[in-house]
């Protein structure tokens, strides 16, 4: 199955759980794409002793997951895209939604 996951929160536990779902889905053989929108673009730098979303994001990348980050959201925070979270557009978000069999939002 193809899962499109849109994450809009940097709340540690919610973003951590969204990414744990993404990692687990990849490990179970599903295709998964994650689109970070709004404050979620900040999770690549988010550290929390119990809910380490940044570590889950790295794990998702390590298992071959694809992450896209809203360019407008990054720019509004004076952030740049990077290898793990490249700058993307709303067209890319639409493409994730139309590609996916199921779309989940967190």
C-alpha atoms as a PDB file:
ATOM      1  CA  UNK A   1       0.000   0.000   0.000  1.00  0.00           C
ATOM      2  CA  UNK A   2       1.083   3.619  -0.569  1.00  0.00           C
ATOM      3  CA  UNK A   3       0.808   5.933   2.450  1.00  0.00           C
ATOM      4  CA  UNK A   4       1.002   9.708   2.152  1.00  0.00           C
ATOM      5  CA  UNK A   5       1.589  11.265   5.552  1.00  0.00           C
ATOM      6  CA  UNK A   6       1.140  14.990   6.083  1.00  0.00           C
ATOM      7  CA  UNK A   7       2.573  16.273   9.336  1.00  0.00           C
ATOM      8  CA  UNK A   8       1.576  19.771  10.478  1.00  0.00           C
ATOM      9  CA  UNK A   9       2.717  19.735  14.112  1.00  0.00           C
ATOM     10  CA  UNK A  10       6.017  20.048  15.899  1.00  0.00           C
ATOM     11  CA  UNK A  11       4.420  18.828  19.120  1.00  0.00           C
ATOM     12  CA  UNK A  12       7.012  16.223  20.165  1.00  0.00           C
ATOM     13  CA  UNK A  13       4.803  13.219  20.914  1.00  0.00           C
ATOM     14  CA  UNK A  14       2.494  13.671  17.900  1.00  0.00           C
ATOM     15  CA  UNK A  15       5.282  14.225  15.375  1.00  0.00           C
ATOM     16  CA  UNK A  16       7.279  11.345  16.905  1.00  0.00           C
ATOM     17  CA  UNK A  17       4.285   9.004  16.586  1.00  0.00           C
ATOM     18  CA  UNK A  18       3.629  10.083  12.993  1.00  0.00           C
ATOM     19  CA  UNK A  19       7.220   9.300  12.074  1.00  0.00           C
ATOM     20  CA  UNK A  20       7.201   6.014  14.000  1.00  0.00           C
ATOM     21  CA  UNK A  21       4.180   5.033  11.896  1.00  0.00           C
ATOM     22  CA  UNK A  22       6.097   6.011   8.751  1.00  0.00           C
ATOM     23  CA  UNK A  23       9.164   3.975   9.760  1.00  0.00           C
ATOM     24  CA  UNK A  24       7.099   0.936  10.736  1.00  0.00           C
ATOM     25  CA  UNK A  25       5.139   1.121   7.482  1.00  0.00           C
ATOM     26  CA  UNK A  26       8.359   1.180   5.442  1.00  0.00           C
ATOM     27  CA  UNK A  27       9.729  -1.779   7.382  1.00  0.00           C
ATOM     28  CA  UNK A  28       6.495  -3.689   6.641  1.00  0.00           C
ATOM     29  CA  UNK A  29       7.080  -3.160   2.911  1.00  0.00           C
ATOM     30  CA  UNK A  30       4.745  -0.237   2.225  1.00  0.00           C
ATOM     31  CA  UNK A  31       5.660   2.782   0.128  1.00  0.00           C
ATOM     32  CA  UNK A  32       5.594   5.949   2.228  1.00  0.00           C
ATOM     33  CA  UNK A  33       6.035   9.649   1.527  1.00  0.00           C
ATOM     34  CA  UNK A  34       5.963  12.299   4.252  1.00  0.00           C
ATOM     35  CA  UNK A  35       5.150  15.954   3.612  1.00  0.00           C
ATOM     36  CA  UNK A  36       6.072  18.428   6.365  1.00  0.00           C
ATOM     37  CA  UNK A  37       3.882  21.520   6.454  1.00  0.00           C
ATOM     38  CA  UNK A  38       3.618  24.524   8.762  1.00  0.00           C
ATOM     39  CA  UNK A  39       5.473  24.193  12.028  1.00  0.00           C
ATOM     40  CA  UNK A  40       6.290  20.556  11.245  1.00  0.00           C
ATOM     41  CA  UNK A  41       9.226  21.718   9.110  1.00  0.00           C
ATOM     42  CA  UNK A  42      10.924  22.425  12.443  1.00  0.00           C
ATOM     43  CA  UNK A  43      10.912  18.781  13.578  1.00  0.00           C
ATOM     44  CA  UNK A  44      14.173  18.092  11.789  1.00  0.00           C
ATOM     45  CA  UNK A  45      15.814  20.125  14.593  1.00  0.00           C
ATOM     46  CA  UNK A  46      13.435  19.134  17.372  1.00  0.00           C
ATOM     47  CA  UNK A  47      14.917  17.346  20.346  1.00  0.00           C
ATOM     48  CA  UNK A  48      13.000  15.909  23.244  1.00  0.00           C
ATOM     49  CA  UNK A  49      14.339  13.385  25.745  1.00  0.00           C
ATOM     50  CA  UNK A  50      11.333  11.073  25.451  1.00  0.00           C
ATOM     51  CA  UNK A  51       9.855  11.838  21.998  1.00  0.00           C
ATOM     52  CA  UNK A  52      12.792  12.299  19.636  1.00  0.00           C
ATOM     53  CA  UNK A  53      11.088  13.185  16.349  1.00  0.00           C
ATOM     54  CA  UNK A  54      14.388  14.249  14.753  1.00  0.00           C
ATOM     55  CA  UNK A  55      15.815  10.758  15.379  1.00  0.00           C
ATOM     56  CA  UNK A  56      12.689   9.159  13.874  1.00  0.00           C
ATOM     57  CA  UNK A  57      13.033  11.436  10.842  1.00  0.00           C
ATOM     58  CA  UNK A  58      16.615  10.194  10.377  1.00  0.00           C
ATOM     59  CA  UNK A  59      15.451   6.592  10.806  1.00  0.00           C
ATOM     60  CA  UNK A  60      12.755   7.135   8.170  1.00  0.00           C
ATOM     61  CA  UNK A  61      15.419   8.420   5.798  1.00  0.00           C
ATOM     62  CA  UNK A  62      17.642   5.424   6.658  1.00  0.00           C
ATOM     63  CA  UNK A  63      14.898   2.951   5.698  1.00  0.00           C
ATOM     64  CA  UNK A  64      14.417   4.665   2.346  1.00  0.00           C
ATOM     65  CA  UNK A  65      11.501   6.939   3.144  1.00  0.00           C
ATOM     66  CA  UNK A  66      10.892  10.124   1.183  1.00  0.00           C
ATOM     67  CA  UNK A  67      10.404  13.403   3.031  1.00  0.00           C
ATOM     68  CA  UNK A  68       9.296  16.664   1.436  1.00  0.00           C
ATOM     69  CA  UNK A  69       9.171  19.996   3.261  1.00  0.00           C
ATOM     70  CA  UNK A  70       6.989  22.978   2.350  1.00  0.00           C
ATOM     71  CA  UNK A  71       9.281  25.640   0.927  1.00  0.00           C
ATOM     72  CA  UNK A  72       7.011  28.514   1.956  1.00  0.00           C
ATOM     73  CA  UNK A  73       6.892  27.147   5.505  1.00  0.00           C
ATOM     74  CA  UNK A  74      10.687  26.810   5.592  1.00  0.00           C
ATOM     75  CA  UNK A  75      11.238  30.320   4.215  1.00  0.00           C
ATOM     76  CA  UNK A  76       8.830  31.873   6.727  1.00  0.00           C
ATOM     77  CA  UNK A  77      11.055  30.405   9.456  1.00  0.00           C
ATOM     78  CA  UNK A  78      14.283  31.421   7.694  1.00  0.00           C
ATOM     79  CA  UNK A  79      15.173  27.753   7.264  1.00  0.00           C
ATOM     80  CA  UNK A  80      16.632  25.971   4.280  1.00  0.00           C
ATOM     81  CA  UNK A  81      15.835  22.563   2.887  1.00  0.00           C
ATOM     82  CA  UNK A  82      18.469  19.860   3.142  1.00  0.00           C
ATOM     83  CA  UNK A  83      19.232  16.378   1.869  1.00  0.00           C
ATOM     84  CA  UNK A  84      16.692  14.720   4.171  1.00  0.00           C
ATOM     85  CA  UNK A  85      14.037  17.462   3.844  1.00  0.00           C
ATOM     86  CA  UNK A  86      14.292  19.116   0.432  1.00  0.00           C
ATOM     87  CA  UNK A  87      12.325  22.257  -0.350  1.00  0.00           C
ATOM     88  CA  UNK A  88       9.031  21.314  -1.960  1.00  0.00           C
ATOM     89  CA  UNK A  89       5.857  23.025  -3.135  1.00  0.00           C
ATOM     90  CA  UNK A  90       2.101  22.616  -2.844  1.00  0.00           C
ATOM     91  CA  UNK A  91       2.247  20.859  -6.214  1.00  0.00           C
ATOM     92  CA  UNK A  92       4.480  18.246  -4.536  1.00  0.00           C
ATOM     93  CA  UNK A  93       1.942  17.931  -1.715  1.00  0.00           C
ATOM     94  CA  UNK A  94      -0.866  17.417  -4.238  1.00  0.00           C
ATOM     95  CA  UNK A  95       1.287  14.808  -5.979  1.00  0.00           C
ATOM     96  CA  UNK A  96       1.758  12.926  -2.693  1.00  0.00           C
ATOM     97  CA  UNK A  97      -1.998  12.953  -2.068  1.00  0.00           C
ATOM     98  CA  UNK A  98      -2.867  11.730  -5.577  1.00  0.00           C
ATOM     99  CA  UNK A  99      -0.077   9.098  -5.479  1.00  0.00           C
ATOM    100  CA  UNK A 100      -1.165   7.624  -2.139  1.00  0.00           C
ATOM    101  CA  UNK A 101      -3.751   4.922  -1.553  1.00  0.00           C
ATOM    102  CA  UNK A 102      -4.294   6.385   1.920  1.00  0.00           C
ATOM    103  CA  UNK A 103      -3.453   9.830   3.299  1.00  0.00           C
ATOM    104  CA  UNK A 104      -2.930  10.393   7.007  1.00  0.00           C
ATOM    105  CA  UNK A 105      -2.552  13.754   8.695  1.00  0.00           C
ATOM    106  CA  UNK A 106      -1.003  14.464  12.047  1.00  0.00           C
END
